[in-house]
Every structure is written in C-alpha cells, then in structure tokens.
Amino acid sequence: MEIDLNEFIPGTEYFKWKEVLWCNTWGVHVFPTPKQYSNLCYTVGKLHVIRGYLDRPMRITSALRPKLYNKLIGGAANSMHMHGRAIDFVVKGMTADEVRENLYHLLEALEIRMENLPGSNWTHIDVRKPHNGNRYFKP
C-alpha cells in the first residue's frame, strides 16, 4: 500500500495524510498497516464532519501512534491512537473547552467518544464503543 503524504484522506477535503501520520516528538511520518489505514479513514471521516459543523480550520496534533511512540509520550496503554481510531486536534479561534462544549450534544449521533479534560489545549475524539454508555470520559 502506497500513500502520498500530500493527498487528502479519502472522503475528506480538509485533512491530508501528512498531518495524520506525523509523529511530532520523533519528527517523522509513520505509515499504517491496512487495518490502521481503514480505521484512520473512518476516524478522520468523523473529524471531517466536526470540521464542517464548527466551520473553522483545525490542526491534527496526534493521530496514528506506534506503540513505542505512544509509551514515550505518556499515552494510555490501551490508546486507540495505536489502532488509528483516535485523533487529537485543535480548532482555530476556540479553546479546547469551547470545542468540547460545542460537540458534547453530537457525541451520540457521531458515534464518537470525547475526553473530558478541562483546561487541556487539545480535544481528543475516538471511535471506541462507550463504556456503560458514557461517551464523555475522564482519561
């Protein structure tokens, strides 16, 4: 499977592979397995809907993470980032708390979960099934 980093993720017009596959701490792009590729396309599709809803530019700060990278940056041991099923992002002109407030009522309809992390400088979404129906969770 070959990926052109400058191409948009299939089904989106806002996000390119180069931002989804970038591991900032290592300063490199990582490339997905076929399963991770499929998961990333699905997850970024959710972010595409959010981008349209908020109608503001966004920047992905973390998406696909290799296991070692995830451990290095202090990610959860069972992080959905390692499977391409989670994305952290920032929205231009909004705090992460404002983003979460605006998205809270959409979690069920979008079939996503979102971290409840007041004061953080990013928003985390993932497509893991909610535990006990809880789509807004403490990390």
C-alpha atoms as a PDB file:
ATOM      1  CA  MET A   1       0.000   0.000   0.000  1.00  0.00           C
ATOM      2  CA  GLU A   2       1.465   3.316  -1.058  1.00  0.00           C
ATOM      3  CA  ILE A   3       0.437   6.619   0.500  1.00  0.00           C
ATOM      4  CA  ASP A   4       1.146  10.058  -0.932  1.00  0.00           C
ATOM      5  CA  LEU A   5       1.548  12.322   2.088  1.00  0.00           C
ATOM      6  CA  ASN A   6       0.184  15.301   0.130  1.00  0.00           C
ATOM      7  CA  GLU A   7      -3.102  13.591  -0.761  1.00  0.00           C
ATOM      8  CA  PHE A   8      -6.305  14.161   1.171  1.00  0.00           C
ATOM      9  CA  ILE A   9      -7.638  11.299   3.263  1.00  0.00           C
ATOM     10  CA  PRO A  10     -10.310   9.535   1.153  1.00  0.00           C
ATOM     11  CA  GLY A  11     -13.709  11.144   1.712  1.00  0.00           C
ATOM     12  CA  THR A  12     -12.325  14.403   3.136  1.00  0.00           C
ATOM     13  CA  GLU A  13     -11.384  17.766   1.755  1.00  0.00           C
ATOM     14  CA  TYR A  14      -9.683  19.141   4.856  1.00  0.00           C
ATOM     15  CA  PHE A  15      -7.108  16.605   6.051  1.00  0.00           C
ATOM     16  CA  LYS A  16      -4.034  15.212   4.339  1.00  0.00           C
ATOM     17  CA  TRP A  17      -2.050  12.097   5.170  1.00  0.00           C
ATOM     18  CA  LYS A  18       0.986  14.186   6.142  1.00  0.00           C
ATOM     19  CA  GLU A  19      -0.775  15.584   9.222  1.00  0.00           C
ATOM     20  CA  VAL A  20      -2.470  12.326  10.213  1.00  0.00           C
ATOM     21  CA  LEU A  21       0.763  10.309  10.040  1.00  0.00           C
ATOM     22  CA  TRP A  22       3.097  12.856  11.659  1.00  0.00           C
ATOM     23  CA  CYS A  23       4.735  11.943  14.991  1.00  0.00           C
ATOM     24  CA  ASN A  24       5.947  15.297  16.260  1.00  0.00           C
ATOM     25  CA  THR A  25       8.250  14.098  19.043  1.00  0.00           C
ATOM     26  CA  TRP A  26      10.100  11.785  16.653  1.00  0.00           C
ATOM     27  CA  GLY A  27       9.923  14.253  13.769  1.00  0.00           C
ATOM     28  CA  VAL A  28       8.869  11.560  11.299  1.00  0.00           C
ATOM     29  CA  HIS A  29       5.835  10.225   9.464  1.00  0.00           C
ATOM     30  CA  VAL A  30       4.682   6.722  10.340  1.00  0.00           C
ATOM     31  CA  PHE A  31       2.787   4.521   7.923  1.00  0.00           C
ATOM     32  CA  PRO A  32      -0.287   2.426   8.700  1.00  0.00           C
ATOM     33  CA  THR A  33      -0.988  -1.242   8.280  1.00  0.00           C
ATOM     34  CA  PRO A  34      -4.006  -1.958   6.037  1.00  0.00           C
ATOM     35  CA  LYS A  35      -6.251  -2.210   9.129  1.00  0.00           C
ATOM     36  CA  GLN A  36      -4.913   1.058  10.569  1.00  0.00           C
ATOM     37  CA  TYR A  37      -5.428   2.696   7.148  1.00  0.00           C
ATOM     38  CA  SER A  38      -9.080   1.675   7.163  1.00  0.00           C
ATOM     39  CA  ASN A  39      -9.504   2.826  10.776  1.00  0.00           C
ATOM     40  CA  LEU A  40      -7.852   6.181  10.034  1.00  0.00           C
ATOM     41  CA  CYS A  41     -10.127   6.820   7.064  1.00  0.00           C
ATOM     42  CA  TYR A  42     -13.171   6.121   9.254  1.00  0.00           C
ATOM     43  CA  THR A  43     -11.941   8.206  12.196  1.00  0.00           C
ATOM     44  CA  VAL A  44     -10.837  11.149  10.060  1.00  0.00           C
ATOM     45  CA  GLY A  45     -14.270  10.968   8.433  1.00  0.00           C
ATOM     46  CA  LYS A  46     -15.758  11.764  11.847  1.00  0.00           C
ATOM     47  CA  LEU A  47     -13.354  14.699  12.203  1.00  0.00           C
ATOM     48  CA  HIS A  48     -14.365  15.886   8.728  1.00  0.00           C
ATOM     49  CA  VAL A  49     -17.984  16.129   9.915  1.00  0.00           C
ATOM     50  CA  ILE A  50     -16.853  18.022  13.033  1.00  0.00           C
ATOM     51  CA  ARG A  51     -14.795  20.411  10.877  1.00  0.00           C
ATOM     52  CA  GLY A  52     -17.863  21.144   8.767  1.00  0.00           C
ATOM     53  CA  TYR A  53     -20.058  21.628  11.838  1.00  0.00           C
ATOM     54  CA  LEU A  54     -17.658  24.032  13.566  1.00  0.00           C
ATOM     55  CA  ASP A  55     -16.818  25.726  10.247  1.00  0.00           C
ATOM     56  CA  ARG A  56     -13.296  26.573  11.409  1.00  0.00           C
ATOM     57  CA  PRO A  57      -9.824  25.426  10.401  1.00  0.00           C
ATOM     58  CA  MET A  58      -8.338  22.644  12.506  1.00  0.00           C
ATOM     59  CA  ARG A  59      -4.939  21.116  13.043  1.00  0.00           C
ATOM     60  CA  ILE A  60      -4.435  17.476  13.948  1.00  0.00           C
ATOM     61  CA  THR A  61      -1.905  17.193  16.765  1.00  0.00           C
ATOM     62  CA  SER A  62      -1.877  13.407  17.096  1.00  0.00           C
ATOM     63  CA  ALA A  63      -3.476  10.543  15.211  1.00  0.00           C
ATOM     64  CA  LEU A  64      -1.644   7.281  14.455  1.00  0.00           C
ATOM     65  CA  ARG A  65       0.926   6.349  17.094  1.00  0.00           C
ATOM     66  CA  PRO A  66       3.217   3.340  17.082  1.00  0.00           C
ATOM     67  CA  LYS A  67       3.195   1.512  20.430  1.00  0.00           C
ATOM     68  CA  LEU A  68       6.680   2.726  21.408  1.00  0.00           C
ATOM     69  CA  TYR A  69       5.843   6.335  20.491  1.00  0.00           C
ATOM     70  CA  ASN A  70       2.614   6.154  22.479  1.00  0.00           C
ATOM     71  CA  LYS A  71       4.531   4.937  25.537  1.00  0.00           C
ATOM     72  CA  LEU A  72       7.226   7.607  25.080  1.00  0.00           C
ATOM     73  CA  ILE A  73       4.706  10.467  25.136  1.00  0.00           C
ATOM     74  CA  GLY A  74       2.746   9.032  28.071  1.00  0.00           C
ATOM     75  CA  GLY A  75      -0.293   7.793  26.129  1.00  0.00           C
ATOM     76  CA  ALA A  76      -2.729   5.335  27.689  1.00  0.00           C
ATOM     77  CA  ALA A  77      -1.594   1.709  27.497  1.00  0.00           C
ATOM     78  CA  ASN A  78      -4.753   0.827  25.543  1.00  0.00           C
ATOM     79  CA  SER A  79      -4.809   4.039  23.459  1.00  0.00           C
ATOM     80  CA  MET A  80      -6.985   3.994  20.372  1.00  0.00           C
ATOM     81  CA  HIS A  81      -4.283   6.101  18.673  1.00  0.00           C
ATOM     82  CA  MET A  82      -2.235   2.913  18.197  1.00  0.00           C
ATOM     83  CA  HIS A  83      -5.036   1.492  16.046  1.00  0.00           C
ATOM     84  CA  GLY A  84      -5.872   4.651  14.076  1.00  0.00           C
ATOM     85  CA  ARG A  85      -9.116   5.021  15.987  1.00  0.00           C
ATOM     86  CA  ALA A  86      -8.382   8.307  17.842  1.00  0.00           C
ATOM     87  CA  ILE A  87      -7.412  11.846  16.934  1.00  0.00           C
ATOM     88  CA  ASP A  88      -6.295  14.851  18.970  1.00  0.00           C
ATOM     89  CA  PHE A  89      -6.835  18.245  17.375  1.00  0.00           C
ATOM     90  CA  VAL A  90      -7.038  21.992  17.928  1.00  0.00           C
ATOM     91  CA  VAL A  91      -9.532  24.387  16.375  1.00  0.00           C
ATOM     92  CA  LYS A  92      -8.500  27.861  15.271  1.00  0.00           C
ATOM     93  CA  GLY A  93     -10.091  30.570  17.406  1.00  0.00           C
ATOM     94  CA  MET A  94     -11.544  28.181  20.017  1.00  0.00           C
ATOM     95  CA  THR A  95     -10.234  26.770  23.258  1.00  0.00           C
ATOM     96  CA  ALA A  96     -10.455  23.021  23.698  1.00  0.00           C
ATOM     97  CA  ASP A  97     -13.047  23.596  26.424  1.00  0.00           C
ATOM     98  CA  GLU A  98     -15.196  25.549  23.923  1.00  0.00           C
ATOM     99  CA  VAL A  99     -14.782  22.783  21.343  1.00  0.00           C
ATOM    100  CA  ARG A 100     -15.899  20.139  23.847  1.00  0.00           C
ATOM    101  CA  GLU A 101     -18.878  22.282  24.879  1.00  0.00           C
ATOM    102  CA  ASN A 102     -19.927  22.645  21.223  1.00  0.00           C
ATOM    103  CA  LEU A 103     -19.520  18.944  20.434  1.00  0.00           C
ATOM    104  CA  TYR A 104     -20.939  17.356  23.584  1.00  0.00           C
ATOM    105  CA  HIS A 105     -24.503  17.098  22.232  1.00  0.00           C
ATOM    106  CA  LEU A 106     -23.243  15.451  19.000  1.00  0.00           C
ATOM    107  CA  LEU A 107     -21.326  12.545  20.535  1.00  0.00           C
ATOM    108  CA  GLU A 108     -24.148  10.022  20.263  1.00  0.00           C
ATOM    109  CA  ALA A 109     -25.122  10.999  16.709  1.00  0.00           C
ATOM    110  CA  LEU A 110     -21.500  10.886  15.532  1.00  0.00           C
ATOM    111  CA  GLU A 111     -20.884   7.627  17.423  1.00  0.00           C
ATOM    112  CA  ILE A 112     -17.712   9.014  18.982  1.00  0.00           C
ATOM    113  CA  ARG A 113     -16.297   9.439  22.452  1.00  0.00           C
ATOM    114  CA  MET A 114     -14.555  12.572  23.701  1.00  0.00           C
ATOM    115  CA  GLU A 115     -12.166  13.116  26.588  1.00  0.00           C
ATOM    116  CA  ASN A 116     -13.421  15.255  29.442  1.00  0.00           C
ATOM    117  CA  LEU A 117     -10.172  17.043  30.229  1.00  0.00           C
ATOM    118  CA  PRO A 118     -10.946  20.643  31.296  1.00  0.00           C
ATOM    119  CA  GLY A 119      -8.101  23.078  30.687  1.00  0.00           C
ATOM    120  CA  SER A 120      -6.268  20.941  28.127  1.00  0.00           C
ATOM    121  CA  ASN A 121      -5.048  22.585  24.939  1.00  0.00           C
ATOM    122  CA  TRP A 122      -6.375  19.870  22.594  1.00  0.00           C
ATOM    123  CA  THR A 123      -9.560  17.907  22.010  1.00  0.00           C
ATOM    124  CA  HIS A 124      -9.486  14.101  21.816  1.00  0.00           C
ATOM    125  CA  ILE A 125     -12.074  12.036  19.987  1.00  0.00           C
ATOM    126  CA  ASP A 126     -12.116   8.310  19.391  1.00  0.00           C
ATOM    127  CA  VAL A 127     -14.433   5.714  17.930  1.00  0.00           C
ATOM    128  CA  ARG A 128     -14.235   3.165  20.749  1.00  0.00           C
ATOM    129  CA  LYS A 129     -17.573   1.858  21.994  1.00  0.00           C
ATOM    130  CA  PRO A 130     -18.682   3.789  25.086  1.00  0.00           C
ATOM    131  CA  HIS A 131     -18.214   2.131  28.480  1.00  0.00           C
ATOM    132  CA  ASN A 132     -21.589   1.995  30.247  1.00  0.00           C
ATOM    133  CA  GLY A 133     -22.986   4.349  27.605  1.00  0.00           C
ATOM    134  CA  ASN A 134     -20.534   7.084  28.595  1.00  0.00           C
ATOM    135  CA  ARG A 135     -19.270   8.969  25.520  1.00  0.00           C
ATOM    136  CA  TYR A 136     -17.725  11.818  27.557  1.00  0.00           C
ATOM    137  CA  PHE A 137     -14.991  10.243  29.642  1.00  0.00           C
ATOM    138  CA  LYS A 138     -12.142  11.068  32.003  1.00  0.00           C
ATOM    139  CA  PRO A 139      -8.778   9.815  30.713  1.00  0.00           C
END
